[in-house]
Each structure stands twice: as C-alpha cells, then as structure tokens.
Amino acid sequence: MTAVSPIQVTILGSTGSIGTQALEVVDRHADRFEVVGLAAGGSNLALLSEQVIRFRPSVVAVARQLSAAELTDSNTEASLLAVACHRTGSELISGTAATEEVAGRFPGTTVLNGVTGGVGLASTLEALRAGSRLALANKESLVVGGSLVNAAIQYPGQIVPVDSEHSALAQALLSGVHEKGMVSPVITGRSELHSLVLTASGGPFRGKKRAELENVTASEALAHPTWAMGPVVTVNSSTLMNKGLELIEAALLFDVAPQQITPVVHPQSIIHSMVTWQDGSTIAQASYPDMRLPIALGLDWHTHMKDIGRPLEWESPTAWTFEPVDNATFPALGLARDALLASATHPSVLNAANEVAVDAFLRGMTPWTAIVDTVEEVLSEHTGVTDPTFEDVLGTQEWAFARSSELLGLDQLRTSLD
C-alpha cells in the first residue's frame, strides 16, 4: 500500500485560541499533518518556543520586530525562541511583514489564518495568491477586503471557513449539491436556496435592555456563557458585532444577498447554523460547542476525523430554543447589514472603528455602550469607494482608526492596532 503524504499546514496566530486548538488537532493526528510554518504576534514567545520544539516547523514568524539584544539576552522569552529555533533548525523571521511572508512561503499547502483583526487581510491574500488552501478563521479578512479576497481566489473551494457558523453552513449547503464528488465548501446550489440561518448564543447580556448595560465591566462582557474565546471576539459577541461581522462574511463567502441571511438567537449553541431551501426544508449542523470540530474540517476539508469532539447525547431530555434578535438593544447586526449594502469599504470602516472601540473598552477608557455608538457615527461619516485597491482599504482603515479614536476622546489617536 502506498503511503499517503501528510498535509502540510501553516498556522497563523499559533499562540491564540484558534491556533492552540488547531495544534491540538494536529497533535492528535500527527500522521495526517506536518506543520511547516508557525506565526504569532509575539505576546507569548514562551508558548511559541514550546510549539517550535514540539512541531519543528521550517519557518517561524513573529509579527513584532525582535531585536538582537532580545534574542541574545538569556533573561528574555525571545532568547528561548532563538534557542528553540536553533535546536530544530527552524528559520526565525520577525517584523510587520513576517506573518504574511510565512503565509505565502509554501505554495499549495494549507494555511490556517487564526489572526485576530483586520491585520489578517494581507496574510489571507498572500496564501490565496500562493495557491494554498486557506482555512479561514480570520473573518475580518473578508469584512475588510472582500472584493480583494474574492479577486485573489484561484480555484473553487480554495477558502474553507473555520468559524463554527460558516463551517456549519458549508456542511449544510452540501445537501444542495447534485454533481457527484462536488464537495467545495462554497458550492451553494443557490438557485434552490431560500435563506441562510445564522445562529447566535446571545452573549452574556442576552435579555438585557440598553439601560441595564450602561455600566457593565470588561469582566462581565468577557463572561461568555458557552464559548471560550479571545478577548476581542468575546467582547464582540457581547455586543453582537461578532454576528454582524459573520453576516458580512457569510454574504461574501457564499455569494448571497444580506437579506437572505436570518440571524437568530440560540442560547444553547448546539445548532451552529442552518440552510433553508426553497422547498421549505431546513438542514442544520449540530454539535457541542467545540472549535476543534470546524478547525479539523478546515485543515482537511470534508474529512470527519476521529477523536476531535464528543457526539451529542440523546439519553436525557434536551431542549433547544430560538429567539429573535433584540435589534434595539443590539443594533450591531443592522449596522453590519447596512455597511455591506452601502459600499465595498463601509465594512472595513465598521471593523476598524469597532477594533478601536473594543480596545478602548478593554482598557477601561470607554463604556460598553460607546462601542457600537462609535461605530455608527464613524460609518455615517464615511464616503465609500466602489472598487477599492489594497491601498484604498489601508487608507480607509487608517482614517477609521483615527476618527474613532477622536470620537472616543483618546489622548493618543490610534492609526493601527497591536
């Protein structure tokens, strides 16, 4: 029997929530995967060093510039990383362009983009241009530069969604594929499609009214009832902005009108999204909340590997409930839909202003209610660009960073985020 070559993978954001879970999947199926590249922001170099020793990648990227002094001082985490790379023979690169460099380093492989924020766009484009299959957990790539991303796609199914909701939609949409063997994650069968149903847990403030949320703290906003995620995504879930970003992502990824996407609150987070067909049937994907499931599918699309998550249990009474979204208290979804319809650069403005406002909230500089209020104001001031270039997108983001900082009264105007 001929041995099957392992799937070569690059993990961007390897020390974050998505990245560490992806490496758990790789570790459980070491015969199936080979890690060729790792990239991280640089806030946890000790963990990155451990990952280098364990997975022995060819190249390691750190998004912040590492100085020679850091790398040689035995009291720094950077020196630990330097030693780890020396032991494994891994090339170490650092700086603002390091992540996108490793994203495009290995053409034809699988690149998991688990970077947080709009900064992940450049890496998404590099991976697509290299012809690699992109397992996309960085939803902001499509939100910020949807037209650029779609233009960079080289073949059907090159992008595999890793967000649990979009992975669920991709799986459910396969029920509408008629040609044998057609298992692309973006085949929609949209001539028969009625709508996509995007489920949301409702976050920690489900059932609250705006007046009750004036003085909520960061710790309260970070107390998500069902998912363990990074701080930015968790705060976005508390405002439902995360669901707004996912609505934009779904519209662009599956090529459907935003009006065909129906968000619904599902507190149990068991059904991760659904597809309704024009004959009235609805197909749902259900599983316990566990990001390793969509990550595993992203790394090896349409292969349901063993030892990833536990199956649902049916021996005890179970109830799944659904509620409409309270758009008055949580207007982020409406803003996202309007931004998508307004112009190609309005979603980029929405994302950038939200990044600044969430950052300010987590630092204790602004109240929770100011997050979406700031986004709404910045959006209202933006004049859209119909067919933006990459430079247009960057310029739009810089303006939105600065304008939202100004509106929030921050001492130092931010033109970028760490």
Protein backbone atom coordinates (compact mmCIF):
# COMPACT_ATOMS: atom_id res chain seq x y z
CA MET A 1 0.00 0.00 0.00
CA THR A 2 1.37 3.42 -0.98
CA ALA A 3 1.92 5.75 1.97
CA VAL A 4 -0.16 8.93 1.90
CA SER A 5 1.86 12.12 2.26
CA PRO A 6 0.86 14.25 5.23
CA ILE A 7 -0.99 17.52 4.66
CA GLN A 8 1.45 20.39 5.11
CA VAL A 9 -0.03 23.18 7.22
CA THR A 10 0.95 26.66 8.32
CA ILE A 11 -0.72 28.06 11.44
CA LEU A 12 -1.04 31.85 11.65
CA GLY A 13 -1.83 33.08 15.15
CA SER A 14 -0.44 29.88 16.65
CA THR A 15 -0.41 31.08 20.27
CA GLY A 16 -4.01 32.35 20.19
CA SER A 17 -7.22 30.45 20.90
CA ILE A 18 -7.69 29.17 17.33
CA GLY A 19 -4.02 28.41 16.82
CA THR A 20 -3.56 26.39 20.01
CA GLN A 21 -6.68 24.33 19.29
CA ALA A 22 -5.51 23.75 15.72
CA LEU A 23 -2.22 22.40 17.03
CA GLU A 24 -4.17 20.10 19.37
CA VAL A 25 -5.88 18.65 16.30
CA VAL A 26 -2.55 18.30 14.50
CA ASP A 27 -1.01 16.63 17.55
CA ARG A 28 -3.84 14.08 17.75
CA HIS A 29 -3.38 13.24 14.07
CA ALA A 30 0.38 13.57 13.68
CA ASP A 31 0.37 11.02 10.85
CA ARG A 32 -2.04 13.19 8.84
CA PHE A 33 -0.43 16.63 9.21
CA GLU A 34 3.01 18.22 9.02
CA VAL A 35 3.50 21.75 10.38
CA VAL A 36 5.75 23.72 8.03
CA GLY A 37 5.15 27.23 9.37
CA LEU A 38 4.11 28.96 12.58
CA ALA A 39 3.34 32.64 13.06
CA ALA A 40 2.41 34.56 16.20
CA GLY A 41 2.03 38.16 17.28
CA GLY A 42 4.79 37.98 19.85
CA SER A 43 2.95 38.40 23.16
CA ASN A 44 3.65 34.81 24.27
CA LEU A 45 7.05 33.80 22.95
CA ALA A 46 7.46 31.15 25.66
CA LEU A 47 4.47 29.24 24.30
CA LEU A 48 5.68 29.75 20.73
CA SER A 49 9.04 28.26 21.77
CA GLU A 50 7.27 25.18 23.10
CA GLN A 51 5.33 24.86 19.83
CA VAL A 52 8.55 25.09 17.82
CA ILE A 53 10.15 22.28 19.84
CA ARG A 54 7.04 20.10 19.52
CA PHE A 55 6.22 20.63 15.82
CA ARG A 56 9.62 21.57 14.32
CA PRO A 57 8.38 23.92 11.57
CA SER A 58 10.62 25.06 8.73
CA VAL A 59 9.94 28.73 9.43
CA VAL A 60 8.72 30.70 12.46
CA ALA A 61 7.36 34.25 12.17
CA VAL A 62 6.85 36.85 14.89
CA ALA A 63 4.83 39.94 13.96
CA ARG A 64 6.75 42.31 16.21
CA GLN A 65 10.35 43.11 15.42
CA LEU A 66 12.74 41.17 17.64
CA SER A 67 15.98 42.99 18.38
CA ALA A 68 19.39 41.37 18.51
CA ALA A 69 19.58 42.32 22.19
CA GLU A 70 16.35 40.44 22.95
CA LEU A 71 17.45 37.37 21.06
CA THR A 72 20.78 37.12 22.86
CA ASP A 73 19.72 38.11 26.39
CA SER A 74 19.12 34.85 28.27
CA ASN A 75 16.56 36.57 30.51
CA THR A 76 14.09 37.19 27.68
CA GLU A 77 11.43 34.98 26.10
CA ALA A 78 12.88 35.93 22.71
CA SER A 79 16.11 34.15 23.61
CA LEU A 80 14.10 31.00 24.43
CA LEU A 81 12.60 31.20 20.97
CA ALA A 82 16.01 31.69 19.38
CA VAL A 83 17.33 28.60 21.18
CA ALA A 84 14.27 26.56 20.15
CA CYS A 85 14.70 27.54 16.50
CA HIS A 86 18.40 26.70 16.65
CA ARG A 87 17.65 23.26 18.11
CA THR A 88 15.05 22.45 15.45
CA GLY A 89 16.74 24.13 12.50
CA SER A 90 13.73 26.45 12.07
CA GLU A 91 14.24 29.77 10.32
CA LEU A 92 13.16 32.71 12.50
CA ILE A 93 11.83 35.91 10.92
CA SER A 94 10.23 38.90 12.61
CA GLY A 95 8.66 42.25 11.81
CA THR A 96 5.40 43.67 10.50
CA ALA A 97 5.53 41.66 7.25
CA ALA A 98 6.68 38.37 8.79
CA THR A 99 3.24 36.79 9.11
CA GLU A 100 2.24 37.38 5.50
CA GLU A 101 5.69 36.20 4.39
CA VAL A 102 5.20 32.80 6.01
CA ALA A 103 1.59 32.71 4.73
CA GLY A 104 2.89 32.68 1.16
CA ARG A 105 6.07 30.71 1.76
CA PHE A 106 4.73 27.24 0.94
CA PRO A 107 2.55 27.26 -2.23
CA GLY A 108 -0.11 24.59 -2.48
CA THR A 109 -0.26 23.78 1.22
CA THR A 110 -2.98 24.55 3.80
CA VAL A 111 -2.78 27.84 5.66
CA LEU A 112 -4.93 28.35 8.76
CA ASN A 113 -5.42 32.08 9.33
CA GLY A 114 -6.24 32.42 13.02
CA VAL A 115 -5.01 36.02 13.33
CA THR A 116 -7.39 38.41 15.08
CA GLY A 117 -8.48 41.63 13.37
CA GLY A 118 -8.17 43.39 10.04
CA VAL A 119 -4.40 42.95 10.12
CA GLY A 120 -5.05 39.39 8.89
CA LEU A 121 -6.08 40.57 5.41
CA ALA A 122 -2.55 40.71 3.99
CA SER A 123 -1.86 37.13 5.08
CA THR A 124 -5.11 35.92 3.57
CA LEU A 125 -4.17 37.49 0.23
CA GLU A 126 -0.65 36.02 0.33
CA ALA A 127 -1.96 32.50 1.00
CA LEU A 128 -4.52 32.72 -1.82
CA ARG A 129 -2.00 34.09 -4.30
CA ALA A 130 0.36 31.23 -3.45
CA GLY A 131 -2.38 28.78 -4.42
CA SER A 132 -2.67 27.39 -0.91
CA ARG A 133 -5.95 26.21 0.53
CA LEU A 134 -6.98 28.80 3.12
CA ALA A 135 -8.67 27.64 6.31
CA LEU A 136 -10.14 31.00 7.26
CA ALA A 137 -10.82 31.82 10.89
CA ASN A 138 -9.96 35.50 10.39
CA LYS A 139 -13.41 36.72 9.39
CA GLU A 140 -12.11 40.29 9.24
CA SER A 141 -10.23 39.44 6.03
CA LEU A 142 -13.50 39.22 4.12
CA VAL A 143 -15.08 42.07 6.06
CA VAL A 144 -12.17 44.45 5.40
CA GLY A 145 -11.25 43.43 1.87
CA GLY A 146 -13.98 41.21 0.48
CA SER A 147 -13.53 42.28 -3.15
CA LEU A 148 -9.76 41.86 -2.91
CA VAL A 149 -10.11 38.41 -1.37
CA ASN A 150 -12.59 37.22 -3.99
CA ALA A 151 -10.31 38.51 -6.76
CA ALA A 152 -7.37 36.54 -5.33
CA ILE A 153 -9.18 33.18 -5.27
CA GLN A 154 -7.64 30.83 -7.83
CA TYR A 155 -9.96 27.81 -7.74
CA PRO A 156 -13.35 26.76 -6.31
CA GLY A 157 -13.15 25.75 -2.68
CA GLN A 158 -9.80 27.45 -2.07
CA ILE A 159 -11.28 29.06 1.06
CA VAL A 160 -12.62 26.72 3.74
CA PRO A 161 -14.47 28.58 6.51
CA VAL A 162 -13.39 27.83 10.08
CA ASP A 163 -15.85 29.99 12.03
CA SER A 164 -18.25 27.47 13.53
CA GLU A 165 -21.26 29.13 11.90
CA HIS A 166 -19.76 29.25 8.42
CA SER A 167 -18.39 25.74 8.69
CA ALA A 168 -21.92 24.66 9.60
CA LEU A 169 -23.34 26.49 6.59
CA ALA A 170 -20.74 24.93 4.28
CA GLN A 171 -21.65 21.46 5.56
CA ALA A 172 -25.39 22.09 5.28
CA LEU A 173 -25.06 23.53 1.79
CA LEU A 174 -23.63 20.24 0.58
CA SER A 175 -27.17 18.87 0.77
CA GLY A 176 -27.95 21.00 -2.27
CA VAL A 177 -25.03 19.80 -4.39
CA HIS A 178 -26.15 17.49 -7.17
CA GLU A 179 -22.93 16.63 -9.01
CA LYS A 180 -21.18 13.60 -7.59
CA GLY A 181 -17.88 14.48 -5.96
CA MET A 182 -18.56 18.21 -5.75
CA VAL A 183 -17.65 18.94 -2.14
CA SER A 184 -16.37 22.51 -2.35
CA PRO A 185 -17.24 24.39 0.84
CA VAL A 186 -18.61 27.33 -1.16
CA ILE A 187 -20.91 25.43 -3.52
CA THR A 188 -24.30 26.88 -2.62
CA GLY A 189 -26.84 25.47 -5.05
CA ARG A 190 -28.23 28.98 -4.64
CA SER A 191 -30.83 28.65 -7.37
CA GLU A 192 -32.67 26.47 -4.85
CA LEU A 193 -31.60 28.42 -1.76
CA HIS A 194 -34.16 30.27 0.32
CA SER A 195 -32.02 31.60 3.19
CA LEU A 196 -29.07 31.06 5.49
CA VAL A 197 -29.91 30.98 9.20
CA LEU A 198 -27.04 32.33 11.31
CA THR A 199 -27.29 31.30 14.95
CA ALA A 200 -26.00 33.38 17.87
CA SER A 201 -25.73 32.48 21.54
CA GLY A 202 -26.91 35.95 22.53
CA GLY A 203 -23.76 36.51 24.58
CA PRO A 204 -23.56 37.35 28.29
CA PHE A 205 -26.16 40.13 28.07
CA ARG A 206 -28.98 38.24 26.37
CA GLY A 207 -32.34 39.50 27.64
CA LYS A 208 -30.92 42.79 28.93
CA LYS A 209 -32.07 46.22 27.77
CA ARG A 210 -29.75 49.09 26.87
CA ALA A 211 -30.44 50.98 30.12
CA GLU A 212 -29.15 47.96 32.06
CA LEU A 213 -25.88 47.91 30.13
CA GLU A 214 -24.61 51.45 30.69
CA ASN A 215 -22.09 50.45 33.35
CA VAL A 216 -21.14 46.87 32.54
CA THR A 217 -17.49 45.97 33.14
CA ALA A 218 -14.98 44.24 30.92
CA SER A 219 -15.07 41.16 33.14
CA GLU A 220 -18.85 40.96 32.69
CA ALA A 221 -18.55 41.33 28.92
CA LEU A 222 -15.88 38.62 28.83
CA ALA A 223 -18.05 36.10 30.68
CA HIS A 224 -19.40 34.30 27.61
CA PRO A 225 -21.98 31.64 28.52
CA THR A 226 -20.90 28.91 26.09
CA TRP A 227 -17.65 29.66 24.23
CA ALA A 228 -14.06 30.21 25.43
CA MET A 229 -12.52 32.72 23.00
CA GLY A 230 -10.03 35.57 22.90
CA PRO A 231 -10.97 38.91 24.49
CA VAL A 232 -11.75 40.83 21.29
CA VAL A 233 -14.05 38.13 19.87
CA THR A 234 -15.72 37.70 23.26
CA VAL A 235 -16.49 41.42 23.61
CA ASN A 236 -17.74 41.40 20.00
CA SER A 237 -20.07 38.58 20.99
CA SER A 238 -21.40 40.65 23.89
CA THR A 239 -22.40 43.47 21.51
CA LEU A 240 -23.42 41.03 18.74
CA MET A 241 -20.91 42.79 16.50
CA ASN A 242 -19.28 39.39 16.02
CA LYS A 243 -22.53 38.20 14.48
CA GLY A 244 -22.59 41.31 12.30
CA LEU A 245 -19.10 40.52 11.02
CA GLU A 246 -20.21 36.93 10.43
CA LEU A 247 -23.22 38.14 8.45
CA ILE A 248 -20.89 40.08 6.14
CA GLU A 249 -18.57 37.10 5.89
CA ALA A 250 -21.43 34.74 5.03
CA ALA A 251 -22.79 37.04 2.32
CA LEU A 252 -19.38 37.35 0.66
CA LEU A 253 -18.26 33.75 1.18
CA PHE A 254 -21.45 32.12 -0.10
CA ASP A 255 -22.43 34.86 -2.56
CA VAL A 256 -25.88 35.56 -1.14
CA ALA A 257 -27.72 38.82 -0.55
CA PRO A 258 -27.60 40.06 3.05
CA GLN A 259 -31.41 40.00 3.04
CA GLN A 260 -31.20 36.21 2.62
CA ILE A 261 -29.35 35.82 5.92
CA THR A 262 -31.50 35.47 9.03
CA PRO A 263 -29.76 35.82 12.42
CA VAL A 264 -31.46 34.03 15.31
CA VAL A 265 -30.54 33.68 18.99
CA HIS A 266 -29.95 30.08 20.06
CA PRO A 267 -28.67 30.17 23.66
CA GLN A 268 -27.58 26.53 23.82
CA SER A 269 -25.06 26.95 20.95
CA ILE A 270 -25.71 23.39 19.74
CA ILE A 271 -27.03 24.21 16.26
CA HIS A 272 -24.25 26.22 14.67
CA SER A 273 -26.24 27.43 11.66
CA MET A 274 -28.82 26.22 9.16
CA VAL A 275 -29.73 26.36 5.48
CA THR A 276 -33.34 26.64 4.33
CA TRP A 277 -34.17 25.57 0.78
CA GLN A 278 -36.97 26.89 -1.41
CA ASP A 279 -38.99 23.69 -0.90
CA GLY A 280 -39.28 24.55 2.81
CA SER A 281 -36.74 22.07 4.15
CA THR A 282 -34.06 23.19 6.60
CA ILE A 283 -30.70 21.46 7.11
CA ALA A 284 -28.86 22.10 10.38
CA GLN A 285 -25.41 21.20 11.68
CA ALA A 286 -25.39 20.39 15.40
CA SER A 287 -22.62 19.60 17.88
CA TYR A 288 -21.41 20.62 21.30
CA PRO A 289 -19.56 23.98 21.29
CA ASP A 290 -16.02 22.99 20.38
CA MET A 291 -13.91 24.92 17.87
CA ARG A 292 -11.75 21.88 17.20
CA LEU A 293 -14.56 20.49 15.02
CA PRO A 294 -14.58 23.29 12.40
CA ILE A 295 -10.80 23.64 12.71
CA ALA A 296 -10.32 19.96 11.84
CA LEU A 297 -12.61 20.31 8.83
CA GLY A 298 -10.71 23.43 7.80
CA LEU A 299 -7.40 21.59 7.88
CA ASP A 300 -8.71 18.59 5.92
CA TRP A 301 -11.98 19.63 4.31
CA HIS A 302 -14.87 17.20 4.42
CA THR A 303 -12.94 14.56 6.36
CA HIS A 304 -14.61 13.81 9.69
CA MET A 305 -11.65 12.66 11.76
CA LYS A 306 -11.93 10.64 14.95
CA ASP A 307 -11.02 11.94 18.39
CA ILE A 308 -11.98 15.55 17.73
CA GLY A 309 -15.16 16.19 19.73
CA ARG A 310 -17.69 14.15 21.65
CA PRO A 311 -21.01 13.31 19.96
CA LEU A 312 -24.31 14.67 21.17
CA GLU A 313 -26.02 12.58 23.83
CA TRP A 314 -29.69 11.66 23.46
CA GLU A 315 -30.30 9.65 26.61
CA SER A 316 -31.51 12.65 28.65
CA PRO A 317 -34.30 15.16 27.87
CA THR A 318 -32.96 18.00 25.77
CA ALA A 319 -34.46 21.33 24.67
CA TRP A 320 -33.12 23.71 22.03
CA THR A 321 -34.67 27.17 21.90
CA PHE A 322 -34.63 30.03 19.41
CA GLU A 323 -35.38 33.73 19.89
CA PRO A 324 -35.43 36.76 17.61
CA VAL A 325 -32.58 39.24 17.93
CA ASP A 326 -33.32 42.33 20.02
CA ASN A 327 -32.15 44.88 17.45
CA ALA A 328 -33.00 47.85 19.67
CA THR A 329 -30.56 46.76 22.37
CA PHE A 330 -28.08 45.17 19.96
CA PRO A 331 -28.03 47.30 16.76
CA ALA A 332 -24.70 45.92 15.51
CA LEU A 333 -26.35 43.44 13.15
CA GLY A 334 -28.31 46.20 11.43
CA LEU A 335 -25.16 48.31 11.10
CA ALA A 336 -23.30 45.40 9.52
CA ARG A 337 -26.06 44.71 7.01
CA ASP A 338 -26.28 48.42 6.09
CA ALA A 339 -22.49 48.65 5.75
CA LEU A 340 -22.42 45.71 3.36
CA LEU A 341 -25.09 47.33 1.20
CA ALA A 342 -23.52 50.80 1.30
CA SER A 343 -20.16 50.25 -0.42
CA ALA A 344 -17.13 47.97 -0.62
CA THR A 345 -15.27 49.99 2.03
CA HIS A 346 -18.05 50.55 4.59
CA PRO A 347 -17.47 47.09 6.15
CA SER A 348 -13.79 47.97 6.55
CA VAL A 349 -14.77 51.16 8.40
CA LEU A 350 -17.18 49.21 10.60
CA ASN A 351 -14.46 46.73 11.54
CA ALA A 352 -11.72 49.32 12.16
CA ALA A 353 -13.91 51.57 14.31
CA ASN A 354 -15.07 48.55 16.27
CA GLU A 355 -11.48 47.39 16.87
CA VAL A 356 -10.55 50.77 18.36
CA ALA A 357 -13.71 50.98 20.48
CA VAL A 358 -13.32 47.44 21.83
CA ASP A 359 -9.66 48.11 22.61
CA ALA A 360 -10.65 51.28 24.49
CA PHE A 361 -13.36 49.41 26.42
CA LEU A 362 -10.98 46.63 27.46
CA ARG A 363 -8.54 49.29 28.69
CA GLY A 364 -11.27 50.93 30.77
CA MET A 365 -11.29 54.08 28.63
CA THR A 366 -14.88 53.99 27.42
CA PRO A 367 -18.20 52.39 28.40
CA TRP A 368 -19.55 49.28 26.70
CA THR A 369 -22.44 51.19 25.12
CA ALA A 370 -19.97 53.52 23.37
CA ILE A 371 -18.60 50.66 21.26
CA VAL A 372 -21.47 50.37 18.78
CA ASP A 373 -22.38 54.07 19.11
CA THR A 374 -18.88 54.96 17.92
CA VAL A 375 -19.08 52.53 15.01
CA GLU A 376 -22.40 54.00 13.93
CA GLU A 377 -21.06 57.57 13.97
CA VAL A 378 -17.90 56.74 12.02
CA LEU A 379 -19.93 54.82 9.43
CA SER A 380 -22.23 57.80 8.95
CA GLU A 381 -19.24 60.00 8.07
CA HIS A 382 -17.65 57.64 5.55
CA THR A 383 -17.86 58.14 1.79
CA GLY A 384 -17.50 54.72 0.22
CA VAL A 385 -15.16 53.52 -2.51
CA THR A 386 -16.79 51.38 -5.20
CA ASP A 387 -13.82 49.33 -6.41
CA PRO A 388 -11.09 49.71 -3.78
CA THR A 389 -7.43 48.83 -4.16
CA PHE A 390 -5.41 47.41 -1.28
CA GLU A 391 -4.10 50.94 -0.66
CA ASP A 392 -7.69 52.24 -0.55
CA VAL A 393 -8.53 49.65 2.09
CA LEU A 394 -5.49 50.58 4.18
CA GLY A 395 -6.30 54.27 3.88
CA THR A 396 -9.89 53.68 4.86
CA GLN A 397 -8.80 51.73 7.92
CA GLU A 398 -6.33 54.42 8.97
CA TRP A 399 -9.00 57.09 8.70
CA ALA A 400 -11.48 54.98 10.71
CA PHE A 401 -8.86 54.22 13.38
CA ALA A 402 -8.08 57.92 13.78
CA ARG A 403 -11.69 59.15 13.62
CA SER A 404 -12.98 56.63 16.15
CA SER A 405 -10.08 57.47 18.48
CA GLU A 406 -11.01 61.13 18.19
CA LEU A 407 -14.68 60.46 18.93
CA LEU A 408 -13.76 58.42 21.99
CA GLY A 409 -11.56 61.21 23.30
CA LEU A 410 -8.45 59.08 23.48
CA ASP A 411 -5.31 61.03 24.36
CA GLN A 412 -3.32 59.43 21.58
CA LEU A 413 -5.04 58.93 18.24
CA ARG A 414 -4.61 55.36 17.05
CA THR A 415 -3.82 54.69 13.41
CA SER A 416 -3.23 50.99 13.91
CA LEU A 417 -3.75 48.24 16.44
CA ASP A 418 -1.18 45.94 18.01
